[in-house]
PDB file of N, CA and C in Angstrom:
ATOM      1  N   MET A   1      -8.274 -14.159 -10.733  1.00  0.00           N
ATOM      2  CA  MET A   1      -8.103 -12.796 -10.143  1.00  0.00           C
ATOM      3  C   MET A   1      -6.989 -12.156 -11.044  1.00  0.00           C
ATOM      4  N   ASN A   2      -7.096 -10.979 -11.574  1.00  0.00           N
ATOM      5  CA  ASN A   2      -5.939 -10.342 -12.221  1.00  0.00           C
ATOM      6  C   ASN A   2      -4.854  -9.742 -11.225  1.00  0.00           C
ATOM      7  N   ALA A   3      -3.750  -9.345 -11.836  1.00  0.00           N
ATOM      8  CA  ALA A   3      -2.677  -8.934 -11.053  1.00  0.00           C
ATOM      9  C   ALA A   3      -2.884  -7.670 -10.284  1.00  0.00           C
ATOM     10  N   ASN A   4      -3.836  -6.921 -10.753  1.00  0.00           N
ATOM     11  CA  ASN A   4      -4.224  -5.741  -9.924  1.00  0.00           C
ATOM     12  C   ASN A   4      -5.214  -5.907  -8.730  1.00  0.00           C
ATOM     13  N   MET A   5      -5.443  -7.127  -8.470  1.00  0.00           N
ATOM     14  CA  MET A   5      -6.420  -7.441  -7.446  1.00  0.00           C
ATOM     15  C   MET A   5      -5.757  -8.059  -6.160  1.00  0.00           C
ATOM     16  N   GLN A   6      -6.257  -7.917  -5.062  1.00  0.00           N
ATOM     17  CA  GLN A   6      -5.740  -8.327  -3.906  1.00  0.00           C
ATOM     18  C   GLN A   6      -6.709  -8.772  -2.951  1.00  0.00           C
ATOM     19  N   LEU A   7      -6.737  -9.851  -2.287  1.00  0.00           N
ATOM     20  CA  LEU A   7      -7.698 -10.398  -1.301  1.00  0.00           C
ATOM     21  C   LEU A   7      -7.817  -9.364  -0.053  1.00  0.00           C
ATOM     22  N   SER A   8      -8.918  -8.925   0.350  1.00  0.00           N
ATOM     23  CA  SER A   8      -9.061  -8.168   1.290  1.00  0.00           C
ATOM     24  C   SER A   8      -8.713  -8.799   2.694  1.00  0.00           C
ATOM     25  N   ARG A   9      -8.094  -8.310   3.651  1.00  0.00           N
ATOM     26  CA  ARG A   9      -7.704  -8.852   4.900  1.00  0.00           C
ATOM     27  C   ARG A   9      -9.032  -8.926   5.765  1.00  0.00           C
ATOM     28  N   GLY A  10      -9.964  -7.847   5.638  1.00  0.00           N
ATOM     29  CA  GLY A  10     -10.952  -7.787   6.439  1.00  0.00           C
ATOM     30  C   GLY A  10     -12.288  -8.584   6.073  1.00  0.00           C
ATOM     31  N   VAL A  11     -12.478  -8.762   4.748  1.00  0.00           N
ATOM     32  CA  VAL A  11     -13.743  -9.630   4.406  1.00  0.00           C
ATOM     33  C   VAL A  11     -13.338 -10.650   3.561  1.00  0.00           C
ATOM     34  N   PRO A  12     -13.678 -11.923   4.253  1.00  0.00           N
ATOM     35  CA  PRO A  12     -13.187 -13.170   3.508  1.00  0.00           C
ATOM     36  C   PRO A  12     -13.824 -13.218   2.088  1.00  0.00           C
ATOM     37  N   GLY A  13     -12.993 -13.714   1.246  1.00  0.00           N
ATOM     38  CA  GLY A  13     -13.580 -13.901  -0.294  1.00  0.00           C
ATOM     39  C   GLY A  13     -13.761 -12.688  -0.985  1.00  0.00           C
ATOM     40  N   ARG A  14     -13.545 -11.492  -0.456  1.00  0.00           N
ATOM     41  CA  ARG A  14     -13.623 -10.227  -1.121  1.00  0.00           C
ATOM     42  C   ARG A  14     -12.322  -9.780  -1.665  1.00  0.00           C
ATOM     43  N   SER A  15     -12.311  -9.109  -2.753  1.00  0.00           N
ATOM     44  CA  SER A  15     -11.018  -8.516  -3.357  1.00  0.00           C
ATOM     45  C   SER A  15     -11.387  -6.980  -3.768  1.00  0.00           C
ATOM     46  N   PHE A  16     -10.230  -6.275  -3.956  1.00  0.00           N
ATOM     47  CA  PHE A  16     -10.402  -4.976  -4.268  1.00  0.00           C
ATOM     48  C   PHE A  16      -9.283  -4.585  -5.248  1.00  0.00           C
ATOM     49  N   GLU A  17      -9.435  -3.560  -6.106  1.00  0.00           N
ATOM     50  CA  GLU A  17      -8.428  -3.078  -6.927  1.00  0.00           C
ATOM     51  C   GLU A  17      -7.615  -2.155  -6.130  1.00  0.00           C
ATOM     52  N   HIS A  18      -6.220  -2.157  -6.405  1.00  0.00           N
ATOM     53  CA  HIS A  18      -5.338  -1.341  -5.793  1.00  0.00           C
ATOM     54  C   HIS A  18      -5.645   0.110  -6.091  1.00  0.00           C
ATOM     55  N   ARG A  19      -5.503   1.111  -5.166  1.00  0.00           N
ATOM     56  CA  ARG A  19      -5.610   2.459  -5.483  1.00  0.00           C
ATOM     57  C   ARG A  19      -4.594   2.924  -6.537  1.00  0.00           C
ATOM     58  N   ILE A  20      -3.358   2.322  -6.380  1.00  0.00           N
ATOM     59  CA  ILE A  20      -2.284   2.650  -7.165  1.00  0.00           C
ATOM     60  C   ILE A  20      -2.090   1.418  -7.930  1.00  0.00           C
ATOM     61  N   SER A  21      -2.123   1.269  -9.141  1.00  0.00           N
ATOM     62  CA  SER A  21      -2.231   0.050  -9.963  1.00  0.00           C
ATOM     63  C   SER A  21      -0.681  -0.248 -10.093  1.00  0.00           C
ATOM     64  N   ASN A  22       0.363   0.427 -10.098  1.00  0.00           N
ATOM     65  CA  ASN A  22       1.630   0.192 -10.298  1.00  0.00           C
ATOM     66  C   ASN A  22       2.305  -0.446  -9.178  1.00  0.00           C
ATOM     67  N   PRO A  23       2.779  -1.702  -9.112  1.00  0.00           N
ATOM     68  CA  PRO A  23       3.296  -2.281  -7.979  1.00  0.00           C
ATOM     69  C   PRO A  23       4.573  -1.626  -7.446  1.00  0.00           C
ATOM     70  N   ALA A  24       5.415  -1.247  -8.453  1.00  0.00           N
ATOM     71  CA  ALA A  24       6.753  -0.500  -8.150  1.00  0.00           C
ATOM     72  C   ALA A  24       6.416   0.778  -7.330  1.00  0.00           C
ATOM     73  N   VAL A  25       5.330   1.530  -7.615  1.00  0.00           N
ATOM     74  CA  VAL A  25       5.045   2.721  -6.947  1.00  0.00           C
ATOM     75  C   VAL A  25       4.452   2.435  -5.600  1.00  0.00           C
ATOM     76  N   ARG A  26       3.692   1.413  -5.513  1.00  0.00           N
ATOM     77  CA  ARG A  26       3.256   0.906  -4.154  1.00  0.00           C
ATOM     78  C   ARG A  26       4.430   0.570  -3.207  1.00  0.00           C
ATOM     79  N   ALA A  27       5.294  -0.212  -3.815  1.00  0.00           N
ATOM     80  CA  ALA A  27       6.499  -0.586  -3.066  1.00  0.00           C
ATOM     81  C   ALA A  27       7.333   0.741  -2.688  1.00  0.00           C
ATOM     82  N   GLN A  28       7.354   1.705  -3.613  1.00  0.00           N
ATOM     83  CA  GLN A  28       8.241   2.823  -3.269  1.00  0.00           C
ATOM     84  C   GLN A  28       7.425   3.696  -2.114  1.00  0.00           C
ATOM     85  N   ILE A  29       6.282   3.670  -2.208  1.00  0.00           N
ATOM     86  CA  ILE A  29       5.419   4.430  -1.049  1.00  0.00           C
ATOM     87  C   ILE A  29       5.721   3.567   0.247  1.00  0.00           C
ATOM     88  N   GLY A  30       5.787   2.416   0.207  1.00  0.00           N
ATOM     89  CA  GLY A  30       6.057   1.569   1.514  1.00  0.00           C
ATOM     90  C   GLY A  30       7.322   1.940   1.914  1.00  0.00           C
ATOM     91  N   ARG A  31       8.255   1.792   1.093  1.00  0.00           N
ATOM     92  CA  ARG A  31       9.663   1.970   1.544  1.00  0.00           C
ATOM     93  C   ARG A  31       9.986   3.474   2.076  1.00  0.00           C
ATOM     94  N   ARG A  32       9.319   4.410   1.516  1.00  0.00           N
ATOM     95  CA  ARG A  32       9.494   5.692   1.955  1.00  0.00           C
ATOM     96  C   ARG A  32       8.805   5.853   3.465  1.00  0.00           C
ATOM     97  N   ALA A  33       7.711   5.201   3.564  1.00  0.00           N
ATOM     98  CA  ALA A  33       7.102   5.289   4.879  1.00  0.00           C
ATOM     99  C   ALA A  33       7.918   4.555   5.860  1.00  0.00           C
ATOM    100  N   LEU A  34       8.643   3.483   5.639  1.00  0.00           N
ATOM    101  CA  LEU A  34       9.483   2.759   6.387  1.00  0.00           C
ATOM    102  C   LEU A  34      10.785   3.569   6.773  1.00  0.00           C
ATOM    103  N   GLU A  35      11.249   4.290   5.865  1.00  0.00           N
ATOM    104  CA  GLU A  35      12.361   5.176   6.074  1.00  0.00           C
ATOM    105  C   GLU A  35      11.953   6.381   7.073  1.00  0.00           C
ATOM    106  N   GLY A  36      10.727   6.575   7.363  1.00  0.00           N
ATOM    107  CA  GLY A  36      10.324   7.580   8.345  1.00  0.00           C
ATOM    108  C   GLY A  36       9.588   8.819   7.682  1.00  0.00           C
ATOM    109  N   GLU A  37       9.287   8.792   6.404  1.00  0.00           N
ATOM    110  CA  GLU A  37       8.427   9.936   5.922  1.00  0.00           C
ATOM    111  C   GLU A  37       7.044   9.772   6.585  1.00  0.00           C
ATOM    112  N   ARG A  38       6.431  10.951   6.774  1.00  0.00           N
ATOM    113  CA  ARG A  38       5.136  10.933   7.330  1.00  0.00           C
ATOM    114  C   ARG A  38       4.100  10.368   6.590  1.00  0.00           C
ATOM    115  N   VAL A  39       3.303   9.381   7.171  1.00  0.00           N
ATOM    116  CA  VAL A  39       2.227   8.701   6.342  1.00  0.00           C
ATOM    117  C   VAL A  39       1.171   9.671   5.757  1.00  0.00           C
ATOM    118  N   GLU A  40       0.880  10.799   6.598  1.00  0.00           N
ATOM    119  CA  GLU A  40      -0.133  11.755   6.029  1.00  0.00           C
ATOM    120  C   GLU A  40       0.388  12.474   4.796  1.00  0.00           C
ATOM    121  N   ALA A  41       1.847  12.777   4.831  1.00  0.00           N
ATOM    122  CA  ALA A  41       2.488  13.538   3.783  1.00  0.00           C
ATOM    123  C   ALA A  41       2.443  12.605   2.511  1.00  0.00           C
ATOM    124  N   LEU A  42       2.699  11.314   2.607  1.00  0.00           N
ATOM    125  CA  LEU A  42       2.763  10.423   1.415  1.00  0.00           C
ATOM    126  C   LEU A  42       1.325  10.162   0.925  1.00  0.00           C
ATOM    127  N   ALA A  43       0.440  10.184   1.874  1.00  0.00           N
ATOM    128  CA  ALA A  43      -0.909   9.976   1.482  1.00  0.00           C
ATOM    129  C   ALA A  43      -1.526  11.354   0.483  1.00  0.00           C
ATOM    130  N   ALA A  44      -1.087  12.441   1.069  1.00  0.00           N
ATOM    131  CA  ALA A  44      -1.498  13.565   0.315  1.00  0.00           C
ATOM    132  C   ALA A  44      -0.840  13.593  -1.073  1.00  0.00           C
ATOM    133  N   GLU A  45       0.507  13.206  -1.100  1.00  0.00           N
ATOM    134  CA  GLU A  45       1.244  13.270  -2.422  1.00  0.00           C
ATOM    135  C   GLU A  45       0.719  12.373  -3.308  1.00  0.00           C
ATOM    136  N   PHE A  46       0.352  11.267  -2.973  1.00  0.00           N
ATOM    137  CA  PHE A  46      -0.161  10.159  -3.781  1.00  0.00           C
ATOM    138  C   PHE A  46      -1.678  10.191  -3.933  1.00  0.00           C
ATOM    139  N   GLN A  47      -2.375  10.946  -3.253  1.00  0.00           N
ATOM    140  CA  GLN A  47      -3.900  11.107  -3.210  1.00  0.00           C
ATOM    141  C   GLN A  47      -4.409   9.832  -2.871  1.00  0.00           C
ATOM    142  N   VAL A  48      -3.996   9.217  -1.649  1.00  0.00           N
ATOM    143  CA  VAL A  48      -4.487   7.935  -1.254  1.00  0.00           C
ATOM    144  C   VAL A  48      -4.873   8.284   0.264  1.00  0.00           C
ATOM    145  N   SER A  49      -5.567   7.297   1.022  1.00  0.00           N
ATOM    146  CA  SER A  49      -5.817   7.454   2.388  1.00  0.00           C
ATOM    147  C   SER A  49      -4.592   7.007   3.162  1.00  0.00           C
ATOM    148  N   ALA A  50      -4.529   7.593   4.337  1.00  0.00           N
ATOM    149  CA  ALA A  50      -3.423   7.173   5.267  1.00  0.00           C
ATOM    150  C   ALA A  50      -3.325   5.682   5.580  1.00  0.00           C
ATOM    151  N   SER A  51      -4.540   5.074   5.713  1.00  0.00           N
ATOM    152  CA  SER A  51      -4.544   3.630   5.853  1.00  0.00           C
ATOM    153  C   SER A  51      -3.907   2.808   4.570  1.00  0.00           C
ATOM    154  N   THR A  52      -4.186   3.366   3.549  1.00  0.00           N
ATOM    155  CA  THR A  52      -3.649   2.788   2.232  1.00  0.00           C
ATOM    156  C   THR A  52      -1.954   2.802   2.341  1.00  0.00           C
ATOM    157  N   VAL A  53      -1.556   3.951   2.671  1.00  0.00           N
ATOM    158  CA  VAL A  53      -0.116   4.150   2.854  1.00  0.00           C
ATOM    159  C   VAL A  53       0.558   3.221   3.926  1.00  0.00           C
ATOM    160  N   ARG A  54      -0.255   3.087   5.088  1.00  0.00           N
ATOM    161  CA  ARG A  54       0.146   2.108   6.125  1.00  0.00           C
ATOM    162  C   ARG A  54       0.086   0.690   5.559  1.00  0.00           C
ATOM    163  N   ARG A  55      -0.817   0.317   4.828  1.00  0.00           N
ATOM    164  CA  ARG A  55      -0.889  -1.096   4.264  1.00  0.00           C
ATOM    165  C   ARG A  55       0.450  -1.303   3.414  1.00  0.00           C
ATOM    166  N   TYR A  56       0.707  -0.335   2.594  1.00  0.00           N
ATOM    167  CA  TYR A  56       1.865  -0.461   1.753  1.00  0.00           C
ATOM    168  C   TYR A  56       3.223  -0.497   2.638  1.00  0.00           C
ATOM    169  N   ARG A  57       3.255   0.292   3.634  1.00  0.00           N
ATOM    170  CA  ARG A  57       4.383   0.211   4.474  1.00  0.00           C
ATOM    171  C   ARG A  57       4.540  -1.079   5.091  1.00  0.00           C
ATOM    172  N   ASP A  58       3.434  -1.729   5.656  1.00  0.00           N
ATOM    173  CA  ASP A  58       3.401  -2.980   6.233  1.00  0.00           C
ATOM    174  C   ASP A  58       3.808  -4.054   5.338  1.00  0.00           C
ATOM    175  N   ALA A  59       3.309  -3.939   4.126  1.00  0.00           N
ATOM    176  CA  ALA A  59       3.794  -4.886   3.057  1.00  0.00           C
ATOM    177  C   ALA A  59       5.174  -4.821   2.765  1.00  0.00           C
ATOM    178  N   ALA A  60       5.743  -3.609   2.769  1.00  0.00           N
ATOM    179  CA  ALA A  60       7.211  -3.405   2.490  1.00  0.00           C
ATOM    180  C   ALA A  60       8.061  -3.943   3.596  1.00  0.00           C
ATOM    181  N   ALA A  61       7.488  -3.940   4.815  1.00  0.00           N
ATOM    182  CA  ALA A  61       8.146  -4.262   6.060  1.00  0.00           C
ATOM    183  C   ALA A  61       8.269  -5.828   5.932  1.00  0.00           C
ATOM    184  N   GLY A  62       7.354  -6.475   5.424  1.00  0.00           N
ATOM    185  CA  GLY A  62       7.293  -7.950   5.315  1.00  0.00           C
ATOM    186  C   GLY A  62       8.430  -8.324   4.170  1.00  0.00           C
ATOM    187  N   GLU A  63       8.652  -7.448   3.224  1.00  0.00           N
ATOM    188  CA  GLU A  63       9.641  -7.747   2.267  1.00  0.00           C
ATOM    189  C   GLU A  63      11.007  -7.749   2.881  1.00  0.00           C
ATOM    190  N   VAL A  64      11.146  -6.718   3.662  1.00  0.00           N
ATOM    191  CA  VAL A  64      12.426  -6.292   4.336  1.00  0.00           C
ATOM    192  C   VAL A  64      12.953  -7.472   5.376  1.00  0.00           C
ATOM    193  N   ARG A  65      12.016  -8.012   6.025  1.00  0.00           N
ATOM    194  CA  ARG A  65      12.278  -9.004   7.117  1.00  0.00           C
ATOM    195  C   ARG A  65      13.005 -10.180   6.565  1.00  0.00           C
TER     196      ARG A  65
END
Protein backbone atom coordinates (compact mmCIF):
# COMPACT_ATOMS: atom_id res chain seq x y z
CA MET A 1 0.00 0.00 0.00
CA ASN A 2 1.46 3.40 -0.91
CA ALA A 3 1.69 6.40 1.41
CA ASN A 4 -1.44 7.99 -0.07
CA MET A 5 -3.67 5.05 0.81
CA GLN A 6 -5.50 4.41 4.05
CA LEU A 7 -7.54 1.43 5.13
CA SER A 8 -11.21 2.21 5.32
CA ARG A 9 -12.81 1.93 8.73
CA GLY A 10 -16.11 0.92 7.15
CA VAL A 11 -15.16 -1.89 4.79
CA PRO A 12 -12.58 -4.43 5.98
CA GLY A 13 -9.75 -4.93 3.51
CA ARG A 14 -10.69 -1.92 1.40
CA SER A 15 -8.49 1.11 0.99
CA PHE A 16 -9.02 4.53 -0.55
CA GLU A 17 -6.92 7.42 -1.77
CA HIS A 18 -7.05 10.53 0.35
CA ARG A 19 -9.04 13.35 -1.21
CA ILE A 20 -6.19 15.65 -0.16
CA SER A 21 -2.93 13.90 -0.92
CA ASN A 22 -0.69 16.17 1.18
CA PRO A 23 -0.58 14.88 4.78
CA ALA A 24 0.47 18.30 6.11
CA VAL A 25 -2.64 19.90 4.59
CA ARG A 26 -4.85 17.14 6.02
CA ALA A 27 -3.33 17.77 9.45
CA GLN A 28 -3.84 21.53 9.05
CA ILE A 29 -7.52 21.02 8.20
CA GLY A 30 -7.91 18.75 11.23
CA ARG A 31 -6.25 21.24 13.57
CA ARG A 32 -8.35 24.11 12.26
CA ALA A 33 -11.51 22.07 12.85
CA LEU A 34 -10.33 21.24 16.38
CA GLU A 35 -9.75 24.94 17.01
CA GLY A 36 -13.42 25.59 16.27
CA GLU A 37 -13.64 26.53 12.60
CA ARG A 38 -16.91 25.34 11.09
CA VAL A 39 -16.64 21.96 9.41
CA GLU A 40 -18.83 23.12 6.53
CA ALA A 41 -16.65 26.19 5.91
CA LEU A 42 -13.49 24.08 5.82
CA ALA A 43 -15.17 21.57 3.51
CA ALA A 44 -16.11 24.36 1.09
CA GLU A 45 -12.64 25.93 1.26
CA PHE A 46 -10.86 22.66 0.46
CA GLN A 47 -13.59 21.25 -1.82
CA VAL A 48 -14.11 18.11 0.24
CA SER A 49 -17.12 16.71 2.08
CA ALA A 50 -17.94 17.61 5.66
CA SER A 51 -17.39 13.96 6.61
CA THR A 52 -13.86 14.18 5.22
CA VAL A 53 -13.17 17.22 7.39
CA ARG A 54 -14.58 15.38 10.41
CA ARG A 55 -12.27 12.41 9.70
CA TYR A 56 -9.27 14.75 9.53
CA ARG A 57 -10.45 16.45 12.75
CA ASP A 58 -10.78 13.10 14.51
CA ALA A 59 -7.32 12.07 13.32
CA ALA A 60 -5.88 15.35 14.60
CA ALA A 61 -7.61 14.83 17.95
CA GLY A 62 -5.86 11.47 18.23
CA GLU A 63 -2.50 13.20 17.69
CA VAL A 64 -3.24 15.79 20.39
CA ARG A 65 -4.25 13.30 23.08
